[in-house]
Amino acid sequence: MTNLSVQLPESLYKQIEALAAKENISIEQLVAIALSAQVSAWLTKDYLEEKAKHGSWKKFQQVLTKVPDVEPEEYDKLG
């Protein structure tokens, strides 16, 4: 494990402290979980942007023409 020292605004620290107490975890655990989630989101965004560079809008539209134009089953509808 690596130690990291950061400066946080007092208001943010209080929110972190309260949330950690509510979730019954340490502040260190909460910060590690939050950082992990954010890093994962950034890496996923970067991955998708890289994949999109190699995609083709024309090919995507061609594939969509193969999808039947029907209403979804009742169980599969949103809201």
PDB file of N, CA and C in Angstrom:
ATOM      1  N   MET A   1       0.837  -1.184   0.000  1.00  0.00           N
ATOM      2  CA  MET A   1       0.000   0.000   0.000  1.00  0.00           C
ATOM      3  C   MET A   1       0.880   1.244   0.000  1.00  0.00           C
ATOM      4  N   THR A   2       0.367   2.281  -0.619  1.00  0.00           N
ATOM      5  CA  THR A   2       1.068   3.556  -0.666  1.00  0.00           C
ATOM      6  C   THR A   2       0.258   4.588   0.094  1.00  0.00           C
ATOM      7  N   ASN A   3       0.946   5.401   0.862  1.00  0.00           N
ATOM      8  CA  ASN A   3       0.285   6.492   1.567  1.00  0.00           C
ATOM      9  C   ASN A   3       0.233   7.712   0.662  1.00  0.00           C
ATOM     10  N   LEU A   4      -0.876   8.452   0.773  1.00  0.00           N
ATOM     11  CA  LEU A   4      -1.059   9.650  -0.024  1.00  0.00           C
ATOM     12  C   LEU A   4      -1.574  10.751   0.894  1.00  0.00           C
ATOM     13  N   SER A   5      -0.932  11.862   0.850  1.00  0.00           N
ATOM     14  CA  SER A   5      -1.352  12.995   1.670  1.00  0.00           C
ATOM     15  C   SER A   5      -1.945  14.053   0.745  1.00  0.00           C
ATOM     16  N   VAL A   6      -3.174  14.463   1.024  1.00  0.00           N
ATOM     17  CA  VAL A   6      -3.835  15.466   0.184  1.00  0.00           C
ATOM     18  C   VAL A   6      -4.462  16.545   1.048  1.00  0.00           C
ATOM     19  N   GLN A   7      -4.620  17.692   0.459  1.00  0.00           N
ATOM     20  CA  GLN A   7      -5.305  18.796   1.123  1.00  0.00           C
ATOM     21  C   GLN A   7      -6.724  18.850   0.571  1.00  0.00           C
ATOM     22  N   LEU A   8      -7.714  18.855   1.473  1.00  0.00           N
ATOM     23  CA  LEU A   8      -9.116  18.904   1.076  1.00  0.00           C
ATOM     24  C   LEU A   8      -9.782  20.107   1.713  1.00  0.00           C
ATOM     25  N   PRO A   9     -10.746  20.665   1.023  1.00  0.00           N
ATOM     26  CA  PRO A   9     -11.550  21.698   1.690  1.00  0.00           C
ATOM     27  C   PRO A   9     -12.255  21.086   2.899  1.00  0.00           C
ATOM     28  N   GLU A  10     -12.370  21.842   3.951  1.00  0.00           N
ATOM     29  CA  GLU A  10     -12.992  21.359   5.185  1.00  0.00           C
ATOM     30  C   GLU A  10     -14.404  20.829   4.932  1.00  0.00           C
ATOM     31  N   SER A  11     -15.147  21.505   4.074  1.00  0.00           N
ATOM     32  CA  SER A  11     -16.527  21.081   3.803  1.00  0.00           C
ATOM     33  C   SER A  11     -16.566  19.695   3.151  1.00  0.00           C
ATOM     34  N   LEU A  12     -15.638  19.428   2.242  1.00  0.00           N
ATOM     35  CA  LEU A  12     -15.578  18.115   1.602  1.00  0.00           C
ATOM     36  C   LEU A  12     -15.184  17.053   2.617  1.00  0.00           C
ATOM     37  N   TYR A  13     -14.217  17.369   3.456  1.00  0.00           N
ATOM     38  CA  TYR A  13     -13.791  16.411   4.477  1.00  0.00           C
ATOM     39  C   TYR A  13     -14.950  16.046   5.398  1.00  0.00           C
ATOM     40  N   LYS A  14     -15.731  17.025   5.794  1.00  0.00           N
ATOM     41  CA  LYS A  14     -16.882  16.764   6.669  1.00  0.00           C
ATOM     42  C   LYS A  14     -17.887  15.845   5.979  1.00  0.00           C
ATOM     43  N   GLN A  15     -18.103  16.057   4.685  1.00  0.00           N
ATOM     44  CA  GLN A  15     -19.021  15.183   3.944  1.00  0.00           C
ATOM     45  C   GLN A  15     -18.482  13.755   3.888  1.00  0.00           C
ATOM     46  N   ILE A  16     -17.191  13.629   3.636  1.00  0.00           N
ATOM     47  CA  ILE A  16     -16.557  12.314   3.577  1.00  0.00           C
ATOM     48  C   ILE A  16     -16.644  11.630   4.936  1.00  0.00           C
ATOM     49  N   GLU A  17     -16.367  12.382   5.959  1.00  0.00           N
ATOM     50  CA  GLU A  17     -16.401  11.860   7.319  1.00  0.00           C
ATOM     51  C   GLU A  17     -17.802  11.352   7.675  1.00  0.00           C
ATOM     52  N   ALA A  18     -18.818  12.138   7.347  1.00  0.00           N
ATOM     53  CA  ALA A  18     -20.205  11.759   7.647  1.00  0.00           C
ATOM     54  C   ALA A  18     -20.621  10.530   6.842  1.00  0.00           C
ATOM     55  N   LEU A  19     -20.247  10.500   5.572  1.00  0.00           N
ATOM     56  CA  LEU A  19     -20.618   9.364   4.728  1.00  0.00           C
ATOM     57  C   LEU A  19     -19.926   8.087   5.183  1.00  0.00           C
ATOM     58  N   ALA A  20     -18.674   8.190   5.540  1.00  0.00           N
ATOM     59  CA  ALA A  20     -17.936   7.019   6.030  1.00  0.00           C
ATOM     60  C   ALA A  20     -18.590   6.487   7.305  1.00  0.00           C
ATOM     61  N   ALA A  21     -18.979   7.379   8.194  1.00  0.00           N
ATOM     62  CA  ALA A  21     -19.643   6.960   9.431  1.00  0.00           C
ATOM     63  C   ALA A  21     -20.978   6.293   9.118  1.00  0.00           C
ATOM     64  N   LYS A  22     -21.736   6.886   8.210  1.00  0.00           N
ATOM     65  CA  LYS A  22     -23.038   6.323   7.823  1.00  0.00           C
ATOM     66  C   LYS A  22     -22.876   4.930   7.231  1.00  0.00           C
ATOM     67  N   GLU A  23     -21.845   4.731   6.401  1.00  0.00           N
ATOM     68  CA  GLU A  23     -21.605   3.445   5.746  1.00  0.00           C
ATOM     69  C   GLU A  23     -20.818   2.481   6.633  1.00  0.00           C
ATOM     70  N   ASN A  24     -20.422   2.962   7.804  1.00  0.00           N
ATOM     71  CA  ASN A  24     -19.678   2.150   8.763  1.00  0.00           C
ATOM     72  C   ASN A  24     -18.359   1.627   8.181  1.00  0.00           C
ATOM     73  N   ILE A  25     -17.662   2.525   7.476  1.00  0.00           N
ATOM     74  CA  ILE A  25     -16.340   2.208   6.940  1.00  0.00           C
ATOM     75  C   ILE A  25     -15.394   3.346   7.298  1.00  0.00           C
ATOM     76  N   SER A  26     -14.115   3.085   7.176  1.00  0.00           N
ATOM     77  CA  SER A  26     -13.147   4.136   7.490  1.00  0.00           C
ATOM     78  C   SER A  26     -13.112   5.174   6.363  1.00  0.00           C
ATOM     79  N   ILE A  27     -12.619   6.338   6.716  1.00  0.00           N
ATOM     80  CA  ILE A  27     -12.456   7.390   5.716  1.00  0.00           C
ATOM     81  C   ILE A  27     -11.506   6.908   4.619  1.00  0.00           C
ATOM     82  N   GLU A  28     -10.462   6.193   4.999  1.00  0.00           N
ATOM     83  CA  GLU A  28      -9.501   5.666   4.033  1.00  0.00           C
ATOM     84  C   GLU A  28     -10.188   4.723   3.042  1.00  0.00           C
ATOM     85  N   GLN A  29     -11.069   3.850   3.554  1.00  0.00           N
ATOM     86  CA  GLN A  29     -11.795   2.932   2.669  1.00  0.00           C
ATOM     87  C   GLN A  29     -12.706   3.698   1.724  1.00  0.00           C
ATOM     88  N   LEU A  30     -13.412   4.679   2.248  1.00  0.00           N
ATOM     89  CA  LEU A  30     -14.321   5.467   1.422  1.00  0.00           C
ATOM     90  C   LEU A  30     -13.566   6.185   0.313  1.00  0.00           C
ATOM     91  N   VAL A  31     -12.449   6.795   0.641  1.00  0.00           N
ATOM     92  CA  VAL A  31     -11.659   7.518  -0.355  1.00  0.00           C
ATOM     93  C   VAL A  31     -11.111   6.547  -1.406  1.00  0.00           C
ATOM     94  N   ALA A  32     -10.644   5.375  -0.975  1.00  0.00           N
ATOM     95  CA  ALA A  32     -10.130   4.388  -1.925  1.00  0.00           C
ATOM     96  C   ALA A  32     -11.235   3.913  -2.866  1.00  0.00           C
ATOM     97  N   ILE A  33     -12.427   3.676  -2.337  1.00  0.00           N
ATOM     98  CA  ILE A  33     -13.559   3.247  -3.161  1.00  0.00           C
ATOM     99  C   ILE A  33     -13.936   4.339  -4.154  1.00  0.00           C
ATOM    100  N   ALA A  34     -14.017   5.576  -3.678  1.00  0.00           N
ATOM    101  CA  ALA A  34     -14.397   6.691  -4.545  1.00  0.00           C
ATOM    102  C   ALA A  34     -13.362   6.914  -5.653  1.00  0.00           C
ATOM    103  N   LEU A  35     -12.091   6.866  -5.293  1.00  0.00           N
ATOM    104  CA  LEU A  35     -11.041   7.035  -6.302  1.00  0.00           C
ATOM    105  C   LEU A  35     -11.059   5.890  -7.310  1.00  0.00           C
ATOM    106  N   SER A  36     -11.258   4.695  -6.829  1.00  0.00           N
ATOM    107  CA  SER A  36     -11.317   3.537  -7.719  1.00  0.00           C
ATOM    108  C   SER A  36     -12.452   3.680  -8.727  1.00  0.00           C
ATOM    109  N   ALA A  37     -13.609   4.097  -8.260  1.00  0.00           N
ATOM    110  CA  ALA A  37     -14.757   4.271  -9.151  1.00  0.00           C
ATOM    111  C   ALA A  37     -14.483   5.352 -10.191  1.00  0.00           C
ATOM    112  N   GLN A  38     -13.889   6.455  -9.772  1.00  0.00           N
ATOM    113  CA  GLN A  38     -13.627   7.548 -10.699  1.00  0.00           C
ATOM    114  C   GLN A  38     -12.563   7.182 -11.720  1.00  0.00           C
ATOM    115  N   VAL A  39     -11.504   6.535 -11.273  1.00  0.00           N
ATOM    116  CA  VAL A  39     -10.446   6.112 -12.197  1.00  0.00           C
ATOM    117  C   VAL A  39     -11.018   5.128 -13.210  1.00  0.00           C
ATOM    118  N   SER A  40     -11.843   4.203 -12.749  1.00  0.00           N
ATOM    119  CA  SER A  40     -12.477   3.244 -13.649  1.00  0.00           C
ATOM    120  C   SER A  40     -13.328   3.959 -14.696  1.00  0.00           C
ATOM    121  N   ALA A  41     -14.082   4.961 -14.281  1.00  0.00           N
ATOM    122  CA  ALA A  41     -14.915   5.725 -15.218  1.00  0.00           C
ATOM    123  C   ALA A  41     -14.049   6.438 -16.256  1.00  0.00           C
ATOM    124  N   TRP A  42     -12.956   7.055 -15.818  1.00  0.00           N
ATOM    125  CA  TRP A  42     -12.072   7.743 -16.762  1.00  0.00           C
ATOM    126  C   TRP A  42     -11.455   6.769 -17.751  1.00  0.00           C
ATOM    127  N   LEU A  43     -10.994   5.620 -17.250  1.00  0.00           N
ATOM    128  CA  LEU A  43     -10.374   4.634 -18.138  1.00  0.00           C
ATOM    129  C   LEU A  43     -11.389   4.069 -19.128  1.00  0.00           C
ATOM    130  N   THR A  44     -12.616   3.858 -18.670  1.00  0.00           N
ATOM    131  CA  THR A  44     -13.663   3.367 -19.561  1.00  0.00           C
ATOM    132  C   THR A  44     -13.954   4.393 -20.644  1.00  0.00           C
ATOM    133  N   LYS A  45     -14.041   5.660 -20.255  1.00  0.00           N
ATOM    134  CA  LYS A  45     -14.274   6.739 -21.221  1.00  0.00           C
ATOM    135  C   LYS A  45     -13.161   6.759 -22.265  1.00  0.00           C
ATOM    136  N   ASP A  46     -11.926   6.686 -21.808  1.00  0.00           N
ATOM    137  CA  ASP A  46     -10.784   6.685 -22.730  1.00  0.00           C
ATOM    138  C   ASP A  46     -10.843   5.483 -23.665  1.00  0.00           C
ATOM    139  N   TYR A  47     -11.180   4.320 -23.123  1.00  0.00           N
ATOM    140  CA  TYR A  47     -11.276   3.092 -23.922  1.00  0.00           C
ATOM    141  C   TYR A  47     -12.346   3.237 -25.003  1.00  0.00           C
ATOM    142  N   LEU A  48     -13.514   3.740 -24.617  1.00  0.00           N
ATOM    143  CA  LEU A  48     -14.604   3.892 -25.580  1.00  0.00           C
ATOM    144  C   LEU A  48     -14.280   4.936 -26.648  1.00  0.00           C
ATOM    145  N   GLU A  49     -13.612   6.012 -26.239  1.00  0.00           N
ATOM    146  CA  GLU A  49     -13.215   7.021 -27.228  1.00  0.00           C
ATOM    147  C   GLU A  49     -12.230   6.434 -28.235  1.00  0.00           C
ATOM    148  N   GLU A  50     -11.311   5.605 -27.758  1.00  0.00           N
ATOM    149  CA  GLU A  50     -10.337   4.976 -28.654  1.00  0.00           C
ATOM    150  C   GLU A  50     -11.038   4.021 -29.614  1.00  0.00           C
ATOM    151  N   LYS A  51     -11.975   3.228 -29.099  1.00  0.00           N
ATOM    152  CA  LYS A  51     -12.738   2.308 -29.953  1.00  0.00           C
ATOM    153  C   LYS A  51     -13.555   3.082 -30.981  1.00  0.00           C
ATOM    154  N   ALA A  52     -14.128   4.207 -30.575  1.00  0.00           N
ATOM    155  CA  ALA A  52     -14.965   4.999 -31.475  1.00  0.00           C
ATOM    156  C   ALA A  52     -14.155   5.539 -32.653  1.00  0.00           C
ATOM    157  N   LYS A  53     -12.882   5.810 -32.446  1.00  0.00           N
ATOM    158  CA  LYS A  53     -12.037   6.305 -33.535  1.00  0.00           C
ATOM    159  C   LYS A  53     -11.967   5.302 -34.683  1.00  0.00           C
ATOM    160  N   HIS A  54     -12.118   4.022 -34.356  1.00  0.00           N
ATOM    161  CA  HIS A  54     -11.996   2.973 -35.365  1.00  0.00           C
ATOM    162  C   HIS A  54     -13.352   2.517 -35.887  1.00  0.00           C
ATOM    163  N   GLY A  55     -14.410   3.130 -35.378  1.00  0.00           N
ATOM    164  CA  GLY A  55     -15.751   2.744 -35.792  1.00  0.00           C
ATOM    165  C   GLY A  55     -16.172   3.447 -37.071  1.00  0.00           C
ATOM    166  N   SER A  56     -17.292   3.000 -37.601  1.00  0.00           N
ATOM    167  CA  SER A  56     -17.820   3.585 -38.826  1.00  0.00           C
ATOM    168  C   SER A  56     -19.309   3.860 -38.632  1.00  0.00           C
ATOM    169  N   TRP A  57     -19.680   5.118 -38.739  1.00  0.00           N
ATOM    170  CA  TRP A  57     -21.083   5.497 -38.606  1.00  0.00           C
ATOM    171  C   TRP A  57     -21.916   4.820 -39.701  1.00  0.00           C
ATOM    172  N   LYS A  58     -21.370   4.728 -40.891  1.00  0.00           N
ATOM    173  CA  LYS A  58     -22.084   4.107 -42.008  1.00  0.00           C
ATOM    174  C   LYS A  58     -22.355   2.624 -41.712  1.00  0.00           C
ATOM    175  N   LYS A  59     -21.351   1.912 -41.213  1.00  0.00           N
ATOM    176  CA  LYS A  59     -21.539   0.496 -40.887  1.00  0.00           C
ATOM    177  C   LYS A  59     -22.553   0.326 -39.752  1.00  0.00           C
ATOM    178  N   PHE A  60     -22.506   1.220 -38.787  1.00  0.00           N
ATOM    179  CA  PHE A  60     -23.463   1.178 -37.677  1.00  0.00           C
ATOM    180  C   PHE A  60     -24.890   1.321 -38.193  1.00  0.00           C
ATOM    181  N   GLN A  61     -25.090   2.275 -39.086  1.00  0.00           N
ATOM    182  CA  GLN A  61     -26.420   2.478 -39.654  1.00  0.00           C
ATOM    183  C   GLN A  61     -26.867   1.271 -40.487  1.00  0.00           C
ATOM    184  N   GLN A  62     -25.930   0.627 -41.173  1.00  0.00           N
ATOM    185  CA  GLN A  62     -26.263  -0.578 -41.939  1.00  0.00           C
ATOM    186  C   GLN A  62     -26.734  -1.694 -41.016  1.00  0.00           C
ATOM    187  N   VAL A  63     -26.093  -1.836 -39.904  1.00  0.00           N
ATOM    188  CA  VAL A  63     -26.501  -2.864 -38.934  1.00  0.00           C
ATOM    189  C   VAL A  63     -27.882  -2.532 -38.379  1.00  0.00           C
ATOM    190  N   LEU A  64     -28.132  -1.273 -38.095  1.00  0.00           N
ATOM    191  CA  LEU A  64     -29.437  -0.880 -37.556  1.00  0.00           C
ATOM    192  C   LEU A  64     -30.580  -1.187 -38.518  1.00  0.00           C
ATOM    193  N   THR A  65     -30.321  -1.176 -39.808  1.00  0.00           N
ATOM    194  CA  THR A  65     -31.393  -1.480 -40.767  1.00  0.00           C
ATOM    195  C   THR A  65     -31.854  -2.928 -40.648  1.00  0.00           C
ATOM    196  N   LYS A  66     -31.045  -3.778 -40.030  1.00  0.00           N
ATOM    197  CA  LYS A  66     -31.399  -5.189 -39.856  1.00  0.00           C
ATOM    198  C   LYS A  66     -32.287  -5.422 -38.624  1.00  0.00           C
ATOM    199  N   VAL A  67     -32.407  -4.416 -37.782  1.00  0.00           N
ATOM    200  CA  VAL A  67     -33.222  -4.547 -36.566  1.00  0.00           C
ATOM    201  C   VAL A  67     -34.681  -4.353 -36.942  1.00  0.00           C
ATOM    202  N   PRO A  68     -35.549  -5.303 -36.565  1.00  0.00           N
ATOM    203  CA  PRO A  68     -36.964  -5.164 -36.921  1.00  0.00           C
ATOM    204  C   PRO A  68     -37.598  -3.957 -36.230  1.00  0.00           C
ATOM    205  N   ASP A  69     -38.467  -3.286 -36.933  1.00  0.00           N
ATOM    206  CA  ASP A  69     -39.154  -2.112 -36.396  1.00  0.00           C
ATOM    207  C   ASP A  69     -40.459  -2.563 -35.739  1.00  0.00           C
ATOM    208  N   VAL A  70     -40.328  -3.097 -34.520  1.00  0.00           N
ATOM    209  CA  VAL A  70     -41.494  -3.586 -33.784  1.00  0.00           C
ATOM    210  C   VAL A  70     -41.470  -3.028 -32.364  1.00  0.00           C
ATOM    211  N   GLU A  71     -42.629  -2.969 -31.754  1.00  0.00           N
ATOM    212  CA  GLU A  71     -42.709  -2.532 -30.364  1.00  0.00           C
ATOM    213  C   GLU A  71     -42.070  -3.597 -29.469  1.00  0.00           C
ATOM    214  N   PRO A  72     -41.388  -3.163 -28.412  1.00  0.00           N
ATOM    215  CA  PRO A  72     -40.798  -4.147 -27.500  1.00  0.00           C
ATOM    216  C   PRO A  72     -41.883  -4.862 -26.695  1.00  0.00           C
ATOM    217  N   GLU A  73     -41.546  -6.032 -26.193  1.00  0.00           N
ATOM    218  CA  GLU A  73     -42.455  -6.748 -25.308  1.00  0.00           C
ATOM    219  C   GLU A  73     -42.756  -5.860 -24.098  1.00  0.00           C
ATOM    220  N   GLU A  74     -43.883  -6.070 -23.468  1.00  0.00           N
ATOM    221  CA  GLU A  74     -44.300  -5.232 -22.335  1.00  0.00           C
ATOM    222  C   GLU A  74     -43.247  -5.229 -21.225  1.00  0.00           C
ATOM    223  N   TYR A  75     -42.668  -6.396 -20.945  1.00  0.00           N
ATOM    224  CA  TYR A  75     -41.682  -6.500 -19.877  1.00  0.00           C
ATOM    225  C   TYR A  75     -40.375  -5.772 -20.215  1.00  0.00           C
ATOM    226  N   ASP A  76     -40.174  -5.422 -21.481  1.00  0.00           N
ATOM    227  CA  ASP A  76     -38.925  -4.838 -21.939  1.00  0.00           C
ATOM    228  C   ASP A  76     -39.031  -3.332 -22.188  1.00  0.00           C
ATOM    229  N   LYS A  77     -40.177  -2.760 -21.849  1.00  0.00           N
ATOM    230  CA  LYS A  77     -40.366  -1.309 -22.068  1.00  0.00           C
ATOM    231  C   LYS A  77     -39.805  -0.529 -20.880  1.00  0.00           C
ATOM    232  N   LEU A  78     -39.322   0.661 -21.182  1.00  0.00           N
ATOM    233  CA  LEU A  78     -38.829   1.552 -20.132  1.00  0.00           C
ATOM    234  C   LEU A  78     -39.999   2.302 -19.501  1.00  0.00           C
ATOM    235  N   GLY A  79     -39.849   2.555 -18.208  1.00  0.00           N
ATOM    236  CA  GLY A  79     -40.776   3.394 -17.460  1.00  0.00           C
ATOM    237  C   GLY A  79     -42.171   3.046 -17.618  1.00  0.00           C
TER     238      GLY A  79
END
